Amino acid sequence: MFQPNLARLLRYIETCRNARLPGERIPFRIGAAGVGWVKPEFAKALSRSPEIRLSERAVVLENAKAAKLNEIAAELAAAGLFRWRNEPFDVREQPNGAVLGQLDRGALPLFGVLAEGVHCNCLVKRGAECWLWVARRAPHKLLDPDKLDHLVAGGIPSGLSPREALIKEAAEEAGIPAELAAKAQEVGRIPYAMERPEGLRRDLLHCFDLVLPEDFVPRAIDGEIASFALWPLSRVLQTVLETEEFKFNVNLVLIDLFLRTGVIDPFSSEGRLLHTALHGSG
């Protein structure tokens, strides 16, 4: 059994959970629901909107005006505060909660709003060995260009379930037919709160496994992926341990995969520590 460099793997988890809330941030609320966290300078920018009420304790958008949230964000994007992505996400107080409004993807980190996404381990079984399709992000990507990534990964746009988003991303990023992508099995969820250059990333990753036929070859449909490669899990682990090539949050999903497939012994002291760091003691 391969004995991992525990400190390095733990560091990936800790780096993705480096945000300390509230810290200097104050709550952003829609009515009484706390949906985000904003820095004081951004709170002042928000307060210039007549729809926003600012106090010492919170920045508040009343429920009756929640439909204007994305309009407010568009004005801030036009003022140069962030890059507009033209991809609305649902705003909730907590996962599976009621949708309280929509907000453009580019605005989520500044508002500190929860973002949900999907990551799919696209696997190939060759005898007793498990292989993983690895994608390299295109060099023109704004975030983490040229980094290694999952074959299928992306945010969950407004109105879609995690599975619907997975099927959409599978078709767009890798040319996986919907009937094949629908066979993916959800294997868990991984949350984190991370300080990034673009702001506060409060993300919830819905993790899936999809076993692909040996003769399946992915195709880059939307131009977000530069190349694909099929690697044995042992090589994936070695790359995670020895390089910084994988996109920051992909490492979390891969650590979970290593534990579930036995590439890292989940019953060893190292495995138990990693599982606890990733998922808690439950």
Foldseek 3Di string as FASTA:
>chain_A
DDDAPLVLLLVLLCQLAVDDPPVQWAFEEAAPFGFFTAHPVVLVVLVVDPQWDDDPHYIYRYLVCQACVQVSVVVVVVVPLWPFDPFWAFTDSDPPHDGSYIHTPGCCQNRRGEWEKEAEFAWEDDPLFIKTKKFFFDQPDPPQHRFIGHQFMDTDTPPDDRLRNRLVRCCQAWNDHSVQSNPKDFDDKFWHWHQDPSHIHTYIYGYTYGYDYPPDGTDGHNRGTDDMDMGTLVVVSVCSRPHPRHDSVRSLNSLVVCPVSVVPPCPDPSNVVSCCSGPNPD
